[in-house]
């Protein structure tokens, strides 16, 4: 799915998603990330889990550790659950709440649009999105 380009105040914006990945518009050109994506400190990178089922037990703690390291720097985590709305991984909300980080959950297509909107507002948040195939 193509998204309408916008000005992100220096932040990378998602210009397309689908086919198992994400495309970002960067100052030096486009960047495609296959699979899930994690956006921390305005830097998109590949993220290990491909489905909510991959975020259980010790794997959950491992995958959210980079987000928790931003305690005090971000307001919330925007979590894209894949093509459809799904409940968050068990324990995610509690882990984040313990550090003062809020959680916003929505299907990945809505999370992509929300990310682009919030990026233009200069909000401080992290993003973790599962891919849409």
N, C-alpha and C. Protein backbone atom coordinates (compact mmCIF):
# COMPACT_ATOMS: atom_id res chain seq x y z
N UNK A 1 0.85 -1.17 0.00
CA UNK A 1 0.00 0.00 0.00
C UNK A 1 0.89 1.23 0.00
N UNK A 2 0.67 2.12 -0.95
CA UNK A 2 1.40 3.38 -1.01
C UNK A 2 0.76 4.37 -0.05
N UNK A 3 1.57 5.17 0.61
CA UNK A 3 1.08 6.24 1.46
C UNK A 3 1.46 7.56 0.81
N UNK A 4 0.69 8.60 1.10
CA UNK A 4 0.97 9.91 0.53
C UNK A 4 2.21 10.49 1.20
N UNK A 5 3.22 10.92 0.43
CA UNK A 5 4.41 11.51 1.04
C UNK A 5 4.04 12.77 1.82
N UNK A 6 4.77 13.02 2.87
CA UNK A 6 4.54 14.20 3.70
C UNK A 6 5.88 14.66 4.24
N UNK A 7 5.88 15.79 4.89
CA UNK A 7 7.09 16.29 5.51
C UNK A 7 7.16 15.79 6.93
N UNK A 8 8.24 15.13 7.30
CA UNK A 8 8.36 14.53 8.62
C UNK A 8 9.26 15.29 9.56
N UNK A 9 9.58 16.56 9.24
CA UNK A 9 10.46 17.36 10.10
C UNK A 9 11.76 16.62 10.37
N UNK A 10 12.36 16.08 9.31
CA UNK A 10 13.62 15.37 9.45
C UNK A 10 13.49 13.91 9.82
N UNK A 11 12.31 13.45 10.14
CA UNK A 11 12.09 12.05 10.49
C UNK A 11 11.78 11.24 9.24
N UNK A 12 12.19 9.97 9.24
CA UNK A 12 11.83 9.12 8.10
C UNK A 12 10.33 8.85 8.13
N UNK A 13 9.70 8.94 6.98
CA UNK A 13 8.27 8.64 6.90
C UNK A 13 8.08 7.34 6.14
N UNK A 14 7.02 6.63 6.49
CA UNK A 14 6.68 5.39 5.80
C UNK A 14 5.99 5.78 4.50
N UNK A 15 6.59 5.40 3.38
CA UNK A 15 6.00 5.74 2.09
C UNK A 15 5.20 4.58 1.50
N UNK A 16 5.45 3.36 2.01
CA UNK A 16 4.69 2.20 1.54
C UNK A 16 4.88 1.06 2.54
N UNK A 17 3.90 0.16 2.55
CA UNK A 17 3.99 -1.05 3.37
C UNK A 17 3.28 -2.17 2.63
N UNK A 18 3.59 -3.40 2.99
CA UNK A 18 2.97 -4.56 2.35
C UNK A 18 4.04 -5.46 1.77
N UNK A 19 3.61 -6.57 1.22
CA UNK A 19 4.52 -7.57 0.66
C UNK A 19 5.58 -7.96 1.67
N UNK A 20 5.21 -7.94 2.95
CA UNK A 20 6.11 -8.39 4.00
C UNK A 20 7.15 -7.40 4.46
N UNK A 21 6.96 -6.11 4.17
CA UNK A 21 7.96 -5.14 4.60
C UNK A 21 7.44 -3.71 4.57
N UNK A 22 8.38 -2.78 4.73
CA UNK A 22 8.07 -1.35 4.83
C UNK A 22 9.08 -0.57 4.00
N UNK A 23 8.63 0.54 3.38
CA UNK A 23 9.55 1.43 2.68
C UNK A 23 9.50 2.79 3.35
N UNK A 24 10.68 3.36 3.57
CA UNK A 24 10.81 4.65 4.24
C UNK A 24 11.43 5.66 3.28
N UNK A 25 10.92 6.87 3.32
CA UNK A 25 11.51 7.97 2.59
C UNK A 25 12.53 8.65 3.49
N UNK A 26 13.78 8.59 3.10
CA UNK A 26 14.86 9.19 3.87
C UNK A 26 15.47 10.32 3.06
N UNK A 27 16.21 11.18 3.73
CA UNK A 27 16.82 12.31 3.04
C UNK A 27 17.74 11.85 1.91
N UNK A 28 18.39 10.70 2.07
CA UNK A 28 19.31 10.22 1.04
C UNK A 28 18.69 9.11 0.18
N UNK A 29 17.38 9.05 0.11
CA UNK A 29 16.70 8.07 -0.72
C UNK A 29 15.80 7.15 0.08
N UNK A 30 15.20 6.18 -0.60
CA UNK A 30 14.30 5.24 0.05
C UNK A 30 15.07 4.09 0.68
N UNK A 31 14.47 3.52 1.71
CA UNK A 31 15.03 2.34 2.37
C UNK A 31 13.90 1.35 2.57
N UNK A 32 14.11 0.10 2.19
CA UNK A 32 13.11 -0.95 2.41
C UNK A 32 13.61 -1.86 3.51
N UNK A 33 12.72 -2.17 4.44
CA UNK A 33 13.01 -3.11 5.51
C UNK A 33 12.05 -4.28 5.36
N UNK A 34 12.61 -5.46 5.23
CA UNK A 34 11.80 -6.68 5.13
C UNK A 34 11.42 -7.16 6.52
N UNK A 35 10.22 -7.70 6.67
CA UNK A 35 9.76 -8.21 7.95
C UNK A 35 9.26 -7.10 8.84
N UNK A 36 9.39 -7.31 10.14
CA UNK A 36 8.92 -6.32 11.13
C UNK A 36 9.90 -5.17 11.23
N UNK A 37 9.40 -4.04 11.75
CA UNK A 37 10.23 -2.85 11.86
C UNK A 37 10.13 -2.27 13.27
N UNK A 38 11.25 -1.72 13.72
CA UNK A 38 11.33 -1.03 15.00
C UNK A 38 11.89 0.35 14.69
N UNK A 39 11.20 1.39 15.16
CA UNK A 39 11.68 2.76 14.94
C UNK A 39 11.99 3.35 16.31
N UNK A 40 13.28 3.59 16.54
CA UNK A 40 13.75 4.18 17.79
C UNK A 40 14.62 5.37 17.45
N UNK A 41 14.43 6.47 18.16
CA UNK A 41 15.24 7.67 17.93
C UNK A 41 15.27 8.04 16.44
N UNK A 42 14.11 7.95 15.80
CA UNK A 42 13.94 8.32 14.39
C UNK A 42 14.74 7.45 13.43
N UNK A 43 15.13 6.25 13.87
CA UNK A 43 15.89 5.34 13.01
C UNK A 43 15.13 4.03 12.84
N UNK A 44 14.67 3.74 11.61
CA UNK A 44 14.00 2.46 11.37
C UNK A 44 15.03 1.34 11.21
N UNK A 45 14.70 0.19 11.80
CA UNK A 45 15.57 -0.99 11.65
C UNK A 45 14.71 -2.25 11.67
N UNK A 46 15.29 -3.33 11.19
CA UNK A 46 14.59 -4.62 11.21
C UNK A 46 14.39 -5.05 12.65
N UNK A 47 13.27 -5.72 12.89
CA UNK A 47 12.90 -6.20 14.23
C UNK A 47 12.56 -7.67 14.11
N UNK A 48 13.04 -8.49 15.02
CA UNK A 48 12.96 -9.94 14.92
C UNK A 48 11.61 -10.61 14.79
N UNK A 49 10.62 -10.31 15.64
CA UNK A 49 9.38 -11.09 15.58
C UNK A 49 8.58 -10.82 14.31
N UNK A 50 7.97 -11.87 13.77
CA UNK A 50 7.14 -11.71 12.58
C UNK A 50 5.65 -11.84 12.88
N UNK A 51 5.32 -12.29 14.09
CA UNK A 51 3.92 -12.46 14.50
C UNK A 51 3.84 -12.29 16.02
N UNK A 52 2.66 -12.02 16.50
CA UNK A 52 2.47 -11.85 17.95
C UNK A 52 2.90 -13.11 18.70
N UNK A 53 2.72 -14.26 18.09
CA UNK A 53 3.12 -15.52 18.73
C UNK A 53 4.62 -15.57 19.01
N UNK A 54 5.41 -14.76 18.30
CA UNK A 54 6.86 -14.71 18.52
C UNK A 54 7.23 -13.86 19.73
N UNK A 55 6.24 -13.23 20.35
CA UNK A 55 6.48 -12.32 21.47
C UNK A 55 5.94 -12.92 22.77
N UNK A 56 6.54 -14.01 23.19
CA UNK A 56 6.12 -14.66 24.43
C UNK A 56 7.33 -14.90 25.32
N UNK A 57 7.09 -14.97 26.62
CA UNK A 57 8.12 -15.32 27.58
C UNK A 57 9.39 -14.51 27.45
N UNK A 58 10.53 -15.21 27.45
CA UNK A 58 11.83 -14.55 27.38
C UNK A 58 12.00 -13.80 26.06
N UNK A 59 11.39 -14.28 24.98
CA UNK A 59 11.49 -13.60 23.69
C UNK A 59 10.88 -12.21 23.77
N UNK A 60 9.78 -12.06 24.50
CA UNK A 60 9.16 -10.75 24.65
C UNK A 60 10.14 -9.79 25.31
N UNK A 61 10.73 -10.20 26.41
CA UNK A 61 11.68 -9.33 27.12
C UNK A 61 12.85 -8.94 26.21
N UNK A 62 13.34 -9.89 25.44
CA UNK A 62 14.47 -9.62 24.53
C UNK A 62 14.08 -8.60 23.46
N UNK A 63 12.89 -8.77 22.88
CA UNK A 63 12.46 -7.91 21.78
C UNK A 63 12.07 -6.51 22.24
N UNK A 64 11.65 -6.35 23.48
CA UNK A 64 11.27 -5.00 23.95
C UNK A 64 12.39 -4.30 24.70
N UNK A 65 13.51 -4.97 24.95
CA UNK A 65 14.62 -4.35 25.68
C UNK A 65 15.08 -3.03 25.06
N UNK A 66 15.22 -2.93 23.73
CA UNK A 66 15.64 -1.64 23.16
C UNK A 66 14.62 -0.52 23.42
N UNK A 67 13.36 -0.87 23.50
CA UNK A 67 12.32 0.12 23.78
C UNK A 67 12.41 0.58 25.23
N UNK A 68 12.59 -0.37 26.13
CA UNK A 68 12.70 -0.04 27.56
C UNK A 68 13.91 0.83 27.84
N UNK A 69 14.94 0.71 27.03
CA UNK A 69 16.14 1.53 27.22
C UNK A 69 15.85 3.01 27.00
N UNK A 70 14.72 3.32 26.37
CA UNK A 70 14.34 4.72 26.12
C UNK A 70 13.45 5.29 27.22
N UNK A 71 13.36 4.59 28.34
CA UNK A 71 12.55 5.06 29.47
C UNK A 71 12.89 6.52 29.77
N UNK A 72 11.87 7.33 29.89
CA UNK A 72 12.04 8.74 30.17
C UNK A 72 12.22 9.60 28.93
N UNK A 73 12.49 8.96 27.79
CA UNK A 73 12.69 9.70 26.54
C UNK A 73 11.49 9.62 25.61
N UNK A 74 10.65 8.59 25.80
CA UNK A 74 9.48 8.42 24.93
C UNK A 74 8.21 8.38 25.78
N UNK A 75 7.12 8.81 25.17
CA UNK A 75 5.82 8.82 25.84
C UNK A 75 5.13 7.46 25.75
N UNK A 76 5.25 6.83 24.57
CA UNK A 76 4.51 5.59 24.35
C UNK A 76 5.13 4.78 23.22
N UNK A 77 4.68 3.53 23.14
CA UNK A 77 5.02 2.64 22.04
C UNK A 77 3.79 2.50 21.16
N UNK A 78 3.95 2.76 19.88
CA UNK A 78 2.91 2.52 18.89
C UNK A 78 3.18 1.12 18.33
N UNK A 79 2.26 0.19 18.57
CA UNK A 79 2.45 -1.21 18.20
C UNK A 79 1.47 -1.60 17.10
N UNK A 80 2.00 -1.97 15.93
CA UNK A 80 1.20 -2.45 14.82
C UNK A 80 1.11 -3.96 14.86
N UNK A 81 -0.10 -4.49 14.95
CA UNK A 81 -0.33 -5.92 15.19
C UNK A 81 -0.37 -6.78 13.93
N UNK A 82 -0.01 -6.23 12.78
CA UNK A 82 -0.10 -6.97 11.53
C UNK A 82 -1.33 -6.53 10.76
N UNK A 83 -1.84 -7.35 9.85
CA UNK A 83 -2.94 -6.92 8.99
C UNK A 83 -4.25 -6.68 9.73
N UNK A 84 -4.44 -7.33 10.86
CA UNK A 84 -5.70 -7.21 11.61
C UNK A 84 -5.44 -6.78 13.05
N UNK A 85 -6.45 -6.26 13.68
CA UNK A 85 -6.36 -5.90 15.09
C UNK A 85 -6.23 -7.18 15.90
N UNK A 86 -5.33 -7.16 16.86
CA UNK A 86 -5.12 -8.32 17.73
C UNK A 86 -4.76 -7.79 19.12
N UNK A 87 -5.03 -8.57 20.15
CA UNK A 87 -4.62 -8.14 21.49
C UNK A 87 -3.09 -8.10 21.57
N UNK A 88 -2.56 -7.26 22.43
CA UNK A 88 -1.10 -7.20 22.55
C UNK A 88 -0.56 -8.49 23.14
N UNK A 89 0.72 -8.72 22.96
CA UNK A 89 1.33 -9.91 23.56
C UNK A 89 1.12 -9.89 25.08
N UNK A 90 0.87 -11.05 25.66
CA UNK A 90 0.66 -11.14 27.10
C UNK A 90 1.87 -10.56 27.83
N UNK A 91 1.61 -9.65 28.73
CA UNK A 91 2.66 -9.06 29.54
C UNK A 91 3.25 -7.77 28.99
N UNK A 92 3.03 -7.45 27.71
CA UNK A 92 3.63 -6.25 27.13
C UNK A 92 3.17 -4.98 27.84
N UNK A 93 1.88 -4.87 28.04
CA UNK A 93 1.35 -3.66 28.68
C UNK A 93 1.95 -3.49 30.08
N UNK A 94 2.05 -4.58 30.84
CA UNK A 94 2.61 -4.50 32.20
C UNK A 94 4.08 -4.11 32.18
N UNK A 95 4.85 -4.69 31.27
CA UNK A 95 6.27 -4.36 31.17
C UNK A 95 6.45 -2.86 30.89
N UNK A 96 5.68 -2.34 29.94
CA UNK A 96 5.80 -0.94 29.58
C UNK A 96 5.30 -0.03 30.70
N UNK A 97 4.20 -0.40 31.31
CA UNK A 97 3.63 0.41 32.38
C UNK A 97 4.63 0.57 33.53
N UNK A 98 5.38 -0.48 33.82
CA UNK A 98 6.38 -0.43 34.88
C UNK A 98 7.48 0.58 34.63
N UNK A 99 7.65 0.99 33.37
CA UNK A 99 8.67 1.98 33.04
C UNK A 99 8.07 3.34 32.69
N UNK A 100 6.76 3.45 32.77
CA UNK A 100 6.10 4.72 32.46
C UNK A 100 5.89 4.96 30.98
N UNK A 101 6.01 3.91 30.17
CA UNK A 101 5.79 4.03 28.73
C UNK A 101 4.38 3.53 28.41
N UNK A 102 3.59 4.36 27.74
CA UNK A 102 2.24 3.98 27.35
C UNK A 102 2.27 3.04 26.15
N UNK A 103 1.11 2.48 25.82
CA UNK A 103 0.99 1.55 24.71
C UNK A 103 -0.24 1.89 23.88
N UNK A 104 -0.04 2.07 22.58
CA UNK A 104 -1.12 2.27 21.63
C UNK A 104 -1.07 1.12 20.65
N UNK A 105 -2.17 0.40 20.49
CA UNK A 105 -2.22 -0.80 19.66
C UNK A 105 -3.22 -0.59 18.53
N UNK A 106 -2.82 -0.99 17.34
CA UNK A 106 -3.72 -0.92 16.18
C UNK A 106 -3.16 -1.81 15.08
N UNK A 107 -3.98 -2.15 14.08
CA UNK A 107 -3.45 -2.91 12.95
C UNK A 107 -2.33 -2.12 12.28
N UNK A 108 -1.40 -2.81 11.66
CA UNK A 108 -0.25 -2.15 11.05
C UNK A 108 -0.63 -1.09 10.02
N UNK A 109 -1.62 -1.30 9.14
CA UNK A 109 -1.95 -0.21 8.20
C UNK A 109 -2.32 1.09 8.92
N UNK A 110 -3.10 1.00 9.97
CA UNK A 110 -3.46 2.20 10.74
C UNK A 110 -2.24 2.75 11.48
N UNK A 111 -1.37 1.87 11.96
CA UNK A 111 -0.18 2.31 12.67
C UNK A 111 0.76 3.07 11.73
N UNK A 112 0.85 2.65 10.48
CA UNK A 112 1.69 3.36 9.50
C UNK A 112 1.17 4.79 9.31
N UNK A 113 -0.13 4.93 9.12
CA UNK A 113 -0.70 6.27 8.93
C UNK A 113 -0.54 7.11 10.19
N UNK A 114 -0.76 6.50 11.35
CA UNK A 114 -0.64 7.21 12.62
C UNK A 114 0.81 7.64 12.85
N UNK A 115 1.75 6.76 12.56
CA UNK A 115 3.16 7.11 12.70
C UNK A 115 3.49 8.35 11.88
N UNK A 116 3.11 8.35 10.60
CA UNK A 116 3.43 9.50 9.74
C UNK A 116 2.83 10.78 10.29
N UNK A 117 1.61 10.71 10.77
CA UNK A 117 0.96 11.90 11.34
C UNK A 117 1.71 12.38 12.59
N UNK A 118 1.98 11.47 13.51
CA UNK A 118 2.66 11.84 14.76
C UNK A 118 4.09 12.31 14.52
N UNK A 119 4.75 11.74 13.51
CA UNK A 119 6.12 12.15 13.20
C UNK A 119 6.17 13.62 12.79
N UNK A 120 5.14 14.08 12.09
CA UNK A 120 5.11 15.49 11.68
C UNK A 120 4.82 16.42 12.85
N UNK A 121 4.32 15.88 13.95
CA UNK A 121 4.03 16.69 15.14
C UNK A 121 5.22 16.76 16.09
N UNK A 122 6.26 15.98 15.82
CA UNK A 122 7.43 16.00 16.69
C UNK A 122 7.25 15.28 18.01
N UNK A 123 6.32 14.35 18.08
CA UNK A 123 6.09 13.59 19.32
C UNK A 123 7.25 12.65 19.59
N UNK A 124 7.44 12.29 20.85
CA UNK A 124 8.51 11.38 21.27
C UNK A 124 7.89 10.01 21.57
N UNK A 125 8.13 9.06 20.66
CA UNK A 125 7.54 7.74 20.81
C UNK A 125 8.38 6.73 20.04
N UNK A 126 8.15 5.47 20.33
CA UNK A 126 8.79 4.36 19.62
C UNK A 126 7.73 3.63 18.82
N UNK A 127 8.16 2.90 17.81
CA UNK A 127 7.23 2.15 16.97
C UNK A 127 7.74 0.73 16.78
N UNK A 128 6.85 -0.23 16.93
CA UNK A 128 7.13 -1.63 16.63
C UNK A 128 5.97 -2.13 15.80
N UNK A 129 6.25 -2.58 14.58
CA UNK A 129 5.17 -3.03 13.70
C UNK A 129 5.49 -4.37 13.08
N UNK A 130 4.50 -5.24 13.13
CA UNK A 130 4.57 -6.53 12.45
C UNK A 130 4.16 -6.31 10.99
N UNK A 131 4.70 -7.08 10.06
CA UNK A 131 4.46 -6.84 8.65
C UNK A 131 3.07 -7.25 8.18
N UNK A 132 2.71 -6.69 7.03
CA UNK A 132 1.50 -7.04 6.30
C UNK A 132 1.95 -7.71 5.02
N UNK A 133 1.42 -8.90 4.76
CA UNK A 133 1.83 -9.60 3.53
C UNK A 133 0.88 -9.32 2.39
